[in-house]
Amino acid sequence: EMHVKCSYILGWKALGKKFRVTDCENNIIHTLDGKPAFEIYKTYLGINASDELEISAFWFPMLIEKNGVECIRNPIELYPDGSISISVKIEKGDVIRLAYGDPNSIIDSVKQVMREIAEFSPSIVRLFSCGGRFFYWGEERISMETDHFDAIAPASGFYTRGELLKVDSFLHLFNSTLLVVAIREGEPTD
């Protein structure tokens, strides 16, 4: 009798050209298009120091498509050789683009998922949002994408450092993503 619907909200948009991973090891990207991975931040965004990378990673993370699903990858650490570590294993040949958080796109994505969740008619809604989104919106505006779910059903949740969701038989680790888990018993009600 229990029914569960899981959705995710990205809202980040691709920015600029595509880069191919040409050298990597587990979760460390050594080169993109044959150049040190950090060069994309240095060349296209003018970021020069590792502490700037930490801040900029939330504003301009990496966007990668895995098994047909777009995922955000926040750089975690910058190494002296220009390599960047991310939260999950990367593979040679993967295509990466820089991304940016567009507020209108994020809110449009939230509204779309809210319509789907409302149609599902849940008894409760659980929200799992990346801490990066909290950082992106700021404490005063973060509720813009979460508070409205209470209008559908009682909603609660917490901030995470990575969000796991199985999509089409593949387990994804997301960054900077809002996961919405809607749960109900029995058939939907109006």
N, C-alpha and C. Protein backbone atom coordinates (compact mmCIF):
# COMPACT_ATOMS: atom_id res chain seq x y z
N GLU A 1 0.81 -1.22 0.00
CA GLU A 1 0.00 0.00 0.00
C GLU A 1 0.84 1.27 0.00
N MET A 2 2.15 1.16 0.28
CA MET A 2 2.97 2.36 0.32
C MET A 2 3.47 2.70 -1.08
N HIS A 3 3.34 3.98 -1.44
CA HIS A 3 3.79 4.47 -2.73
C HIS A 3 4.79 5.60 -2.50
N VAL A 4 5.88 5.56 -3.24
CA VAL A 4 6.94 6.56 -3.09
C VAL A 4 7.28 7.12 -4.47
N LYS A 5 7.38 8.44 -4.52
CA LYS A 5 7.79 9.12 -5.76
C LYS A 5 9.00 9.98 -5.42
N CYS A 6 10.08 9.78 -6.17
CA CYS A 6 11.29 10.56 -5.95
C CYS A 6 11.55 11.44 -7.17
N SER A 7 11.86 12.68 -6.91
CA SER A 7 12.20 13.62 -7.97
C SER A 7 13.43 14.40 -7.53
N TYR A 8 14.10 14.99 -8.50
CA TYR A 8 15.24 15.83 -8.15
C TYR A 8 15.17 17.14 -8.92
N ILE A 9 15.70 18.17 -8.30
CA ILE A 9 15.69 19.50 -8.89
C ILE A 9 17.13 19.97 -9.01
N LEU A 10 17.54 20.19 -10.22
CA LEU A 10 18.89 20.67 -10.47
C LEU A 10 18.82 22.19 -10.66
N GLY A 11 18.34 22.64 -11.80
CA GLY A 11 18.19 24.07 -12.04
C GLY A 11 19.46 24.77 -12.49
N TRP A 12 20.59 24.07 -12.51
CA TRP A 12 21.84 24.67 -12.96
C TRP A 12 21.91 24.54 -14.47
N LYS A 13 22.48 25.53 -15.13
CA LYS A 13 22.56 25.54 -16.58
C LYS A 13 24.00 25.43 -17.05
N ALA A 14 24.17 24.75 -18.17
CA ALA A 14 25.51 24.61 -18.76
C ALA A 14 25.99 25.97 -19.24
N LEU A 15 27.29 26.16 -19.12
CA LEU A 15 27.92 27.43 -19.47
C LEU A 15 29.14 27.15 -20.33
N GLY A 16 29.20 27.74 -21.49
CA GLY A 16 30.40 27.63 -22.31
C GLY A 16 30.54 26.28 -23.01
N LYS A 17 31.80 25.99 -23.38
CA LYS A 17 32.09 24.82 -24.21
C LYS A 17 32.21 23.53 -23.39
N LYS A 18 32.24 22.43 -24.12
CA LYS A 18 32.40 21.11 -23.50
C LYS A 18 33.88 20.76 -23.42
N PHE A 19 34.24 20.06 -22.34
CA PHE A 19 35.61 19.59 -22.13
C PHE A 19 35.58 18.09 -21.92
N ARG A 20 36.51 17.39 -22.50
CA ARG A 20 36.60 15.94 -22.34
C ARG A 20 37.69 15.61 -21.32
N VAL A 21 37.37 14.69 -20.41
CA VAL A 21 38.36 14.22 -19.43
C VAL A 21 39.38 13.38 -20.19
N THR A 22 40.64 13.84 -20.18
CA THR A 22 41.69 13.13 -20.92
C THR A 22 42.62 12.36 -20.01
N ASP A 23 42.64 12.69 -18.71
CA ASP A 23 43.44 11.93 -17.76
C ASP A 23 42.79 12.07 -16.38
N CYS A 24 42.56 10.93 -15.73
CA CYS A 24 41.92 10.95 -14.42
C CYS A 24 42.32 9.69 -13.65
N GLU A 25 42.06 9.74 -12.37
CA GLU A 25 42.33 8.61 -11.49
C GLU A 25 41.32 8.64 -10.36
N ASN A 26 40.41 7.66 -10.34
CA ASN A 26 39.32 7.61 -9.37
C ASN A 26 38.52 8.91 -9.41
N ASN A 27 38.61 9.73 -8.35
CA ASN A 27 37.83 10.97 -8.29
C ASN A 27 38.68 12.21 -8.57
N ILE A 28 39.86 12.02 -9.13
CA ILE A 28 40.74 13.16 -9.44
C ILE A 28 40.81 13.35 -10.95
N ILE A 29 40.47 14.56 -11.37
CA ILE A 29 40.56 14.92 -12.79
C ILE A 29 41.91 15.60 -12.97
N HIS A 30 42.80 14.93 -13.70
CA HIS A 30 44.12 15.52 -13.96
C HIS A 30 44.05 16.50 -15.12
N THR A 31 43.48 16.07 -16.24
CA THR A 31 43.44 16.96 -17.40
C THR A 31 42.07 16.93 -18.09
N LEU A 32 41.74 18.07 -18.67
CA LEU A 32 40.57 18.24 -19.52
C LEU A 32 41.10 18.75 -20.86
N ASP A 33 40.78 18.05 -21.92
CA ASP A 33 41.30 18.39 -23.25
C ASP A 33 42.82 18.52 -23.25
N GLY A 34 43.49 17.70 -22.45
CA GLY A 34 44.95 17.67 -22.41
C GLY A 34 45.59 18.76 -21.57
N LYS A 35 44.80 19.61 -20.92
CA LYS A 35 45.34 20.68 -20.08
C LYS A 35 44.93 20.43 -18.63
N PRO A 36 45.72 20.95 -17.66
CA PRO A 36 45.34 20.77 -16.26
C PRO A 36 43.89 21.18 -16.03
N ALA A 37 43.18 20.39 -15.26
CA ALA A 37 41.74 20.59 -15.05
C ALA A 37 41.41 21.99 -14.54
N PHE A 38 42.25 22.53 -13.69
CA PHE A 38 41.99 23.85 -13.12
C PHE A 38 41.99 24.96 -14.17
N GLU A 39 42.60 24.70 -15.32
CA GLU A 39 42.68 25.72 -16.38
C GLU A 39 41.30 26.22 -16.80
N ILE A 40 40.27 25.37 -16.73
CA ILE A 40 38.95 25.86 -17.14
C ILE A 40 38.47 26.97 -16.22
N TYR A 41 38.78 26.87 -14.93
CA TYR A 41 38.40 27.93 -13.99
C TYR A 41 39.27 29.17 -14.19
N LYS A 42 40.54 28.94 -14.41
CA LYS A 42 41.49 30.05 -14.59
C LYS A 42 41.21 30.79 -15.90
N THR A 43 41.05 30.06 -16.99
CA THR A 43 40.88 30.66 -18.31
C THR A 43 39.51 31.31 -18.48
N TYR A 44 38.44 30.62 -18.11
CA TYR A 44 37.11 31.10 -18.42
C TYR A 44 36.47 31.94 -17.32
N LEU A 45 36.97 31.81 -16.07
CA LEU A 45 36.37 32.58 -14.98
C LEU A 45 37.37 33.49 -14.26
N GLY A 46 38.64 33.40 -14.62
CA GLY A 46 39.64 34.26 -14.00
C GLY A 46 39.94 33.92 -12.55
N ILE A 47 39.74 32.67 -12.17
CA ILE A 47 40.00 32.23 -10.80
C ILE A 47 41.44 31.75 -10.72
N ASN A 48 42.18 32.27 -9.73
CA ASN A 48 43.60 31.95 -9.65
C ASN A 48 44.02 31.18 -8.41
N ALA A 49 43.32 31.28 -7.31
CA ALA A 49 43.78 30.65 -6.07
C ALA A 49 42.83 29.54 -5.64
N SER A 50 43.37 28.58 -4.88
CA SER A 50 42.56 27.43 -4.46
C SER A 50 41.42 27.86 -3.54
N ASP A 51 41.64 28.88 -2.69
CA ASP A 51 40.54 29.31 -1.83
C ASP A 51 39.45 29.99 -2.64
N GLU A 52 39.81 30.62 -3.76
CA GLU A 52 38.80 31.16 -4.66
C GLU A 52 38.02 30.03 -5.32
N LEU A 53 38.69 28.91 -5.59
CA LEU A 53 38.02 27.77 -6.23
C LEU A 53 36.92 27.24 -5.33
N GLU A 54 37.18 27.17 -4.02
CA GLU A 54 36.16 26.65 -3.10
C GLU A 54 34.90 27.48 -3.16
N ILE A 55 35.04 28.80 -3.18
CA ILE A 55 33.88 29.68 -3.25
C ILE A 55 33.24 29.58 -4.64
N SER A 56 34.04 29.65 -5.67
CA SER A 56 33.53 29.64 -7.03
C SER A 56 32.88 28.32 -7.42
N ALA A 57 33.29 27.24 -6.77
CA ALA A 57 32.73 25.92 -7.08
C ALA A 57 31.23 25.89 -6.82
N PHE A 58 30.75 26.64 -5.84
CA PHE A 58 29.32 26.69 -5.58
C PHE A 58 28.59 27.52 -6.63
N TRP A 59 29.23 28.55 -7.12
CA TRP A 59 28.62 29.42 -8.13
C TRP A 59 28.78 28.82 -9.52
N PHE A 60 29.91 28.14 -9.77
CA PHE A 60 30.22 27.59 -11.09
C PHE A 60 30.75 26.15 -10.96
N PRO A 61 29.87 25.22 -10.58
CA PRO A 61 30.31 23.82 -10.47
C PRO A 61 30.47 23.19 -11.86
N MET A 62 30.87 21.94 -11.88
CA MET A 62 30.98 21.20 -13.14
C MET A 62 29.68 20.45 -13.38
N LEU A 63 29.26 20.41 -14.64
CA LEU A 63 28.06 19.69 -15.03
C LEU A 63 28.50 18.51 -15.89
N ILE A 64 28.05 17.32 -15.52
CA ILE A 64 28.42 16.11 -16.25
C ILE A 64 27.16 15.27 -16.46
N GLU A 65 27.09 14.60 -17.58
CA GLU A 65 25.96 13.71 -17.84
C GLU A 65 26.41 12.27 -17.60
N LYS A 66 25.72 11.58 -16.71
CA LYS A 66 26.01 10.18 -16.40
C LYS A 66 24.75 9.37 -16.63
N ASN A 67 24.82 8.40 -17.51
CA ASN A 67 23.68 7.53 -17.82
C ASN A 67 22.42 8.33 -18.14
N GLY A 68 22.59 9.40 -18.92
CA GLY A 68 21.46 10.20 -19.35
C GLY A 68 20.92 11.20 -18.35
N VAL A 69 21.60 11.34 -17.22
CA VAL A 69 21.15 12.25 -16.17
C VAL A 69 22.23 13.31 -15.95
N GLU A 70 21.83 14.58 -15.99
CA GLU A 70 22.78 15.65 -15.69
C GLU A 70 23.03 15.72 -14.19
N CYS A 71 24.29 15.77 -13.83
CA CYS A 71 24.70 15.82 -12.42
C CYS A 71 25.69 16.97 -12.23
N ILE A 72 25.64 17.58 -11.08
CA ILE A 72 26.60 18.62 -10.71
C ILE A 72 27.74 17.96 -9.94
N ARG A 73 28.94 18.42 -10.20
CA ARG A 73 30.13 17.97 -9.47
C ARG A 73 30.85 19.21 -8.95
N ASN A 74 30.87 19.34 -7.64
CA ASN A 74 31.59 20.44 -7.03
C ASN A 74 33.04 20.05 -6.81
N PRO A 75 33.98 20.86 -7.28
CA PRO A 75 35.38 20.58 -6.98
C PRO A 75 35.60 20.62 -5.47
N ILE A 76 36.38 19.66 -4.97
CA ILE A 76 36.64 19.58 -3.54
C ILE A 76 38.02 20.12 -3.20
N GLU A 77 38.99 19.76 -4.02
CA GLU A 77 40.36 20.15 -3.71
C GLU A 77 41.13 20.40 -5.00
N LEU A 78 42.03 21.38 -4.93
CA LEU A 78 42.91 21.71 -6.05
C LEU A 78 44.32 21.29 -5.66
N TYR A 79 45.00 20.59 -6.56
CA TYR A 79 46.36 20.12 -6.32
C TYR A 79 47.35 21.01 -7.06
N PRO A 80 48.62 21.03 -6.62
CA PRO A 80 49.63 21.90 -7.24
C PRO A 80 49.79 21.71 -8.75
N ASP A 81 49.52 20.51 -9.26
CA ASP A 81 49.67 20.28 -10.70
C ASP A 81 48.44 20.70 -11.51
N GLY A 82 47.45 21.30 -10.84
CA GLY A 82 46.24 21.74 -11.54
C GLY A 82 45.13 20.71 -11.58
N SER A 83 45.36 19.55 -10.96
CA SER A 83 44.32 18.51 -10.87
C SER A 83 43.26 18.95 -9.87
N ILE A 84 42.04 18.46 -10.08
CA ILE A 84 40.93 18.78 -9.18
C ILE A 84 40.28 17.48 -8.73
N SER A 85 40.01 17.37 -7.43
CA SER A 85 39.26 16.20 -6.97
C SER A 85 37.79 16.59 -6.83
N ILE A 86 36.93 15.61 -7.13
CA ILE A 86 35.49 15.77 -6.98
C ILE A 86 34.98 14.64 -6.08
N SER A 87 33.68 14.61 -5.83
CA SER A 87 33.14 13.68 -4.84
C SER A 87 32.98 12.24 -5.33
N VAL A 88 33.00 12.00 -6.63
CA VAL A 88 32.78 10.65 -7.15
C VAL A 88 33.81 10.31 -8.21
N LYS A 89 33.87 9.03 -8.51
CA LYS A 89 34.80 8.56 -9.54
C LYS A 89 34.43 9.17 -10.89
N ILE A 90 35.45 9.52 -11.63
CA ILE A 90 35.28 10.08 -12.98
C ILE A 90 35.95 9.13 -13.96
N GLU A 91 35.52 9.14 -15.19
CA GLU A 91 36.10 8.24 -16.18
C GLU A 91 36.66 9.02 -17.35
N LYS A 92 37.74 8.50 -17.90
CA LYS A 92 38.35 9.10 -19.08
C LYS A 92 37.31 9.12 -20.19
N GLY A 93 37.19 10.25 -20.87
CA GLY A 93 36.21 10.39 -21.94
C GLY A 93 34.93 11.09 -21.50
N ASP A 94 34.69 11.18 -20.18
CA ASP A 94 33.51 11.90 -19.71
C ASP A 94 33.58 13.34 -20.19
N VAL A 95 32.42 13.92 -20.46
CA VAL A 95 32.34 15.30 -20.92
C VAL A 95 31.85 16.19 -19.79
N ILE A 96 32.56 17.29 -19.57
CA ILE A 96 32.26 18.21 -18.49
C ILE A 96 32.06 19.61 -19.06
N ARG A 97 31.12 20.32 -18.47
CA ARG A 97 30.93 21.74 -18.78
C ARG A 97 30.85 22.49 -17.47
N LEU A 98 31.25 23.73 -17.47
CA LEU A 98 30.99 24.56 -16.30
C LEU A 98 29.50 24.86 -16.29
N ALA A 99 28.97 25.14 -15.11
CA ALA A 99 27.55 25.43 -14.97
C ALA A 99 27.37 26.63 -14.06
N TYR A 100 26.20 27.22 -14.12
CA TYR A 100 25.89 28.31 -13.20
C TYR A 100 24.47 28.15 -12.71
N GLY A 101 24.24 28.64 -11.51
CA GLY A 101 22.90 28.57 -10.92
C GLY A 101 22.07 29.75 -11.38
N ASP A 102 21.05 29.46 -12.15
CA ASP A 102 20.17 30.50 -12.64
C ASP A 102 18.91 30.50 -11.76
N PRO A 103 18.67 31.56 -10.98
CA PRO A 103 17.53 31.55 -10.05
C PRO A 103 16.19 31.25 -10.73
N ASN A 104 15.95 31.84 -11.89
CA ASN A 104 14.67 31.61 -12.58
C ASN A 104 14.54 30.16 -13.02
N SER A 105 15.62 29.57 -13.51
CA SER A 105 15.60 28.18 -13.93
C SER A 105 15.36 27.26 -12.73
N ILE A 106 15.99 27.58 -11.60
CA ILE A 106 15.81 26.77 -10.39
C ILE A 106 14.35 26.82 -9.94
N ILE A 107 13.79 28.01 -9.86
CA ILE A 107 12.40 28.16 -9.41
C ILE A 107 11.44 27.50 -10.40
N ASP A 108 11.70 27.62 -11.71
CA ASP A 108 10.86 26.94 -12.70
C ASP A 108 10.91 25.42 -12.51
N SER A 109 12.10 24.89 -12.21
CA SER A 109 12.25 23.45 -11.95
C SER A 109 11.47 23.05 -10.70
N VAL A 110 11.53 23.89 -9.67
CA VAL A 110 10.78 23.62 -8.43
C VAL A 110 9.29 23.56 -8.73
N LYS A 111 8.78 24.52 -9.49
CA LYS A 111 7.34 24.56 -9.81
C LYS A 111 6.91 23.31 -10.60
N GLN A 112 7.75 22.88 -11.53
CA GLN A 112 7.44 21.69 -12.32
C GLN A 112 7.35 20.44 -11.43
N VAL A 113 8.34 20.28 -10.55
CA VAL A 113 8.33 19.13 -9.64
C VAL A 113 7.17 19.23 -8.66
N MET A 114 6.84 20.43 -8.22
CA MET A 114 5.69 20.59 -7.31
C MET A 114 4.40 20.12 -7.97
N ARG A 115 4.21 20.43 -9.25
CA ARG A 115 3.01 19.96 -9.96
C ARG A 115 2.97 18.44 -10.00
N GLU A 116 4.12 17.82 -10.29
CA GLU A 116 4.19 16.35 -10.35
C GLU A 116 3.91 15.74 -8.97
N ILE A 117 4.47 16.35 -7.94
CA ILE A 117 4.28 15.84 -6.57
C ILE A 117 2.82 16.01 -6.15
N ALA A 118 2.22 17.15 -6.45
CA ALA A 118 0.82 17.39 -6.10
C ALA A 118 -0.09 16.36 -6.77
N GLU A 119 0.20 16.04 -8.02
CA GLU A 119 -0.59 15.05 -8.76
C GLU A 119 -0.44 13.67 -8.12
N PHE A 120 0.71 13.38 -7.56
CA PHE A 120 0.97 12.11 -6.88
C PHE A 120 0.14 12.01 -5.60
N SER A 121 -0.21 13.15 -5.00
CA SER A 121 -1.05 13.24 -3.80
C SER A 121 -0.41 12.56 -2.59
N PRO A 122 0.75 13.05 -2.14
CA PRO A 122 1.44 12.42 -1.02
C PRO A 122 0.83 12.75 0.34
N SER A 123 1.13 11.91 1.31
CA SER A 123 0.75 12.19 2.70
C SER A 123 1.83 13.03 3.36
N ILE A 124 3.09 12.80 2.97
CA ILE A 124 4.21 13.58 3.49
C ILE A 124 5.23 13.81 2.36
N VAL A 125 6.03 14.85 2.54
CA VAL A 125 7.09 15.16 1.60
C VAL A 125 8.38 15.34 2.40
N ARG A 126 9.44 14.66 1.94
CA ARG A 126 10.76 14.80 2.57
C ARG A 126 11.69 15.47 1.56
N LEU A 127 12.40 16.49 2.00
CA LEU A 127 13.29 17.27 1.15
C LEU A 127 14.73 17.08 1.62
N PHE A 128 15.61 16.76 0.69
CA PHE A 128 17.04 16.60 0.99
C PHE A 128 17.78 17.54 0.05
N SER A 129 18.25 18.64 0.61
CA SER A 129 18.87 19.68 -0.21
C SER A 129 20.36 19.77 0.11
N CYS A 130 21.14 19.98 -0.93
CA CYS A 130 22.58 20.12 -0.75
C CYS A 130 22.90 21.42 0.00
N GLY A 131 23.88 21.34 0.87
CA GLY A 131 24.34 22.53 1.58
C GLY A 131 24.80 23.61 0.62
N GLY A 132 25.23 23.21 -0.56
CA GLY A 132 25.64 24.18 -1.58
C GLY A 132 24.49 25.06 -2.03
N ARG A 133 23.29 24.53 -2.03
CA ARG A 133 22.12 25.33 -2.40
C ARG A 133 21.84 26.36 -1.30
N PHE A 134 22.03 25.95 -0.06
CA PHE A 134 21.87 26.88 1.06
C PHE A 134 22.86 28.03 0.90
N PHE A 135 24.09 27.70 0.56
CA PHE A 135 25.12 28.70 0.34
C PHE A 135 24.75 29.58 -0.85
N TYR A 136 24.24 28.98 -1.91
CA TYR A 136 23.87 29.71 -3.12
C TYR A 136 22.77 30.74 -2.83
N TRP A 137 21.68 30.31 -2.18
CA TRP A 137 20.54 31.20 -1.95
C TRP A 137 20.78 32.16 -0.79
N GLY A 138 21.50 31.71 0.21
CA GLY A 138 21.65 32.50 1.43
C GLY A 138 20.53 32.17 2.39
N GLU A 139 20.75 32.41 3.65
CA GLU A 139 19.79 32.03 4.69
C GLU A 139 18.42 32.69 4.50
N GLU A 140 18.41 33.92 4.00
CA GLU A 140 17.14 34.65 3.86
C GLU A 140 16.28 34.14 2.71
N ARG A 141 16.91 33.55 1.68
CA ARG A 141 16.16 33.19 0.47
C ARG A 141 16.04 31.69 0.22
N ILE A 142 16.66 30.86 1.04
CA ILE A 142 16.66 29.42 0.78
C ILE A 142 15.24 28.84 0.77
N SER A 143 14.35 29.42 1.56
CA SER A 143 12.99 28.89 1.64
C SER A 143 12.21 29.09 0.35
N MET A 144 12.75 29.90 -0.58
CA MET A 144 12.07 30.11 -1.86
C MET A 144 11.83 28.81 -2.61
N GLU A 145 12.70 27.82 -2.41
CA GLU A 145 12.53 26.57 -3.15
C GLU A 145 12.02 25.42 -2.29
N THR A 146 11.84 25.63 -0.99
CA THR A 146 11.41 24.52 -0.14
C THR A 146 10.07 24.74 0.56
N ASP A 147 9.78 25.96 0.98
CA ASP A 147 8.58 26.22 1.78
C ASP A 147 7.27 25.83 1.09
N HIS A 148 7.21 25.98 -0.21
CA HIS A 148 5.95 25.78 -0.92
C HIS A 148 5.49 24.32 -0.93
N PHE A 149 6.38 23.39 -0.64
CA PHE A 149 5.98 21.98 -0.61
C PHE A 149 5.01 21.71 0.53
N ASP A 150 5.01 22.55 1.58
CA ASP A 150 4.06 22.41 2.69
C ASP A 150 2.62 22.58 2.22
N ALA A 151 2.40 23.27 1.12
CA ALA A 151 1.05 23.46 0.59
C ALA A 151 0.49 22.16 0.03
N ILE A 152 1.38 21.22 -0.30
CA ILE A 152 0.97 19.93 -0.86
C ILE A 152 0.72 18.92 0.26
N ALA A 153 1.68 18.82 1.17
CA ALA A 153 1.59 17.88 2.30
C ALA A 153 2.63 18.34 3.33
N PRO A 154 2.52 17.87 4.58
CA PRO A 154 3.55 18.25 5.56
C PRO A 154 4.94 17.90 5.03
N ALA A 155 5.82 18.90 5.02
CA ALA A 155 7.15 18.72 4.44
C ALA A 155 8.22 19.02 5.48
N SER A 156 9.28 18.23 5.43
CA SER A 156 10.43 18.47 6.30
C SER A 156 11.65 17.86 5.61
N GLY A 157 12.82 18.16 6.15
CA GLY A 157 14.02 17.61 5.55
C GLY A 157 15.27 18.21 6.17
N PHE A 158 16.39 18.07 5.48
CA PHE A 158 17.64 18.60 5.99
C PHE A 158 18.63 18.81 4.85
N TYR A 159 19.74 19.45 5.19
CA TYR A 159 20.78 19.72 4.20
C TYR A 159 21.80 18.60 4.22
N THR A 160 22.34 18.31 3.06
CA THR A 160 23.26 17.19 2.89
C THR A 160 24.55 17.66 2.25
N ARG A 161 25.49 16.74 2.14
CA ARG A 161 26.73 17.03 1.43
C ARG A 161 26.81 16.24 0.12
N GLY A 162 25.79 15.52 -0.17
CA GLY A 162 25.68 14.72 -1.39
C GLY A 162 24.36 13.99 -1.33
N GLU A 163 23.68 13.89 -2.45
CA GLU A 163 22.36 13.32 -2.49
C GLU A 163 22.38 12.07 -3.36
N LEU A 164 21.84 10.98 -2.85
CA LEU A 164 21.82 9.72 -3.59
C LEU A 164 20.42 9.45 -4.11
N LEU A 165 20.34 9.08 -5.39
CA LEU A 165 19.05 8.74 -5.97
C LEU A 165 19.28 7.75 -7.10
N LYS A 166 18.46 6.71 -7.13
CA LYS A 166 18.53 5.73 -8.20
C LYS A 166 17.60 6.18 -9.33
N VAL A 167 18.19 6.36 -10.51
CA VAL A 167 17.43 6.78 -11.69
C VAL A 167 17.70 5.75 -12.78
N ASP A 168 16.64 5.11 -13.26
CA ASP A 168 16.77 4.10 -14.31
C ASP A 168 17.85 3.06 -14.00
N SER A 169 17.77 2.46 -12.86
CA SER A 169 18.67 1.37 -12.42
C SER A 169 20.11 1.79 -12.19
N PHE A 170 20.38 3.09 -12.13
CA PHE A 170 21.74 3.55 -11.87
C PHE A 170 21.71 4.47 -10.66
N LEU A 171 22.56 4.20 -9.68
CA LEU A 171 22.63 5.00 -8.47
C LEU A 171 23.51 6.22 -8.72
N HIS A 172 22.92 7.40 -8.57
CA HIS A 172 23.63 8.66 -8.80
C HIS A 172 23.96 9.33 -7.47
N LEU A 173 25.13 9.91 -7.39
CA LEU A 173 25.48 10.80 -6.30
C LEU A 173 25.43 12.20 -6.89
N PHE A 174 24.52 13.00 -6.38
CA PHE A 174 24.35 14.36 -6.85
C PHE A 174 25.07 15.33 -5.92
N ASN A 175 25.38 16.51 -6.44
CA ASN A 175 25.82 17.66 -5.64
C ASN A 175 24.92 18.82 -6.03
N SER A 176 24.74 19.76 -5.13
CA SER A 176 23.96 20.98 -5.40
C SER A 176 22.59 20.66 -5.99
N THR A 177 21.96 19.63 -5.47
CA THR A 177 20.67 19.17 -5.98
C THR A 177 19.67 19.09 -4.83
N LEU A 178 18.41 19.32 -5.13
CA LEU A 178 17.33 19.16 -4.16
C LEU A 178 16.57 17.89 -4.52
N LEU A 179 16.58 16.92 -3.60
CA LEU A 179 15.80 15.69 -3.79
C LEU A 179 14.47 15.83 -3.07
N VAL A 180 13.41 15.39 -3.73
CA VAL A 180 12.07 15.44 -3.16
C VAL A 180 11.54 14.02 -3.12
N VAL A 181 11.19 13.56 -1.92
CA VAL A 181 10.65 12.22 -1.74
C VAL A 181 9.22 12.36 -1.22
N ALA A 182 8.26 11.94 -2.04
CA ALA A 182 6.84 12.02 -1.67
C ALA A 182 6.37 10.62 -1.32
N ILE A 183 5.63 10.51 -0.22
CA ILE A 183 5.19 9.19 0.28
C ILE A 183 3.69 9.25 0.60
N ARG A 184 3.01 8.18 0.23
CA ARG A 184 1.59 8.07 0.60
C ARG A 184 1.24 6.60 0.79
N GLU A 185 0.16 6.36 1.52
CA GLU A 185 -0.40 5.01 1.62
C GLU A 185 -1.66 4.97 0.76
N GLY A 186 -1.82 3.86 0.06
CA GLY A 186 -3.05 3.69 -0.73
C GLY A 186 -3.08 4.52 -1.99
N GLU A 187 -4.30 4.66 -2.51
CA GLU A 187 -4.50 5.39 -3.76
C GLU A 187 -4.48 6.88 -3.53
N PRO A 188 -4.18 7.66 -4.59
CA PRO A 188 -4.16 9.12 -4.43
C PRO A 188 -5.55 9.66 -4.12
N THR A 189 -5.58 10.74 -3.37
CA THR A 189 -6.84 11.43 -3.07
C THR A 189 -6.72 12.85 -3.60
N ASP A 190 -7.87 13.48 -3.78
CA ASP A 190 -7.88 14.84 -4.32
C ASP A 190 -7.46 15.81 -3.21
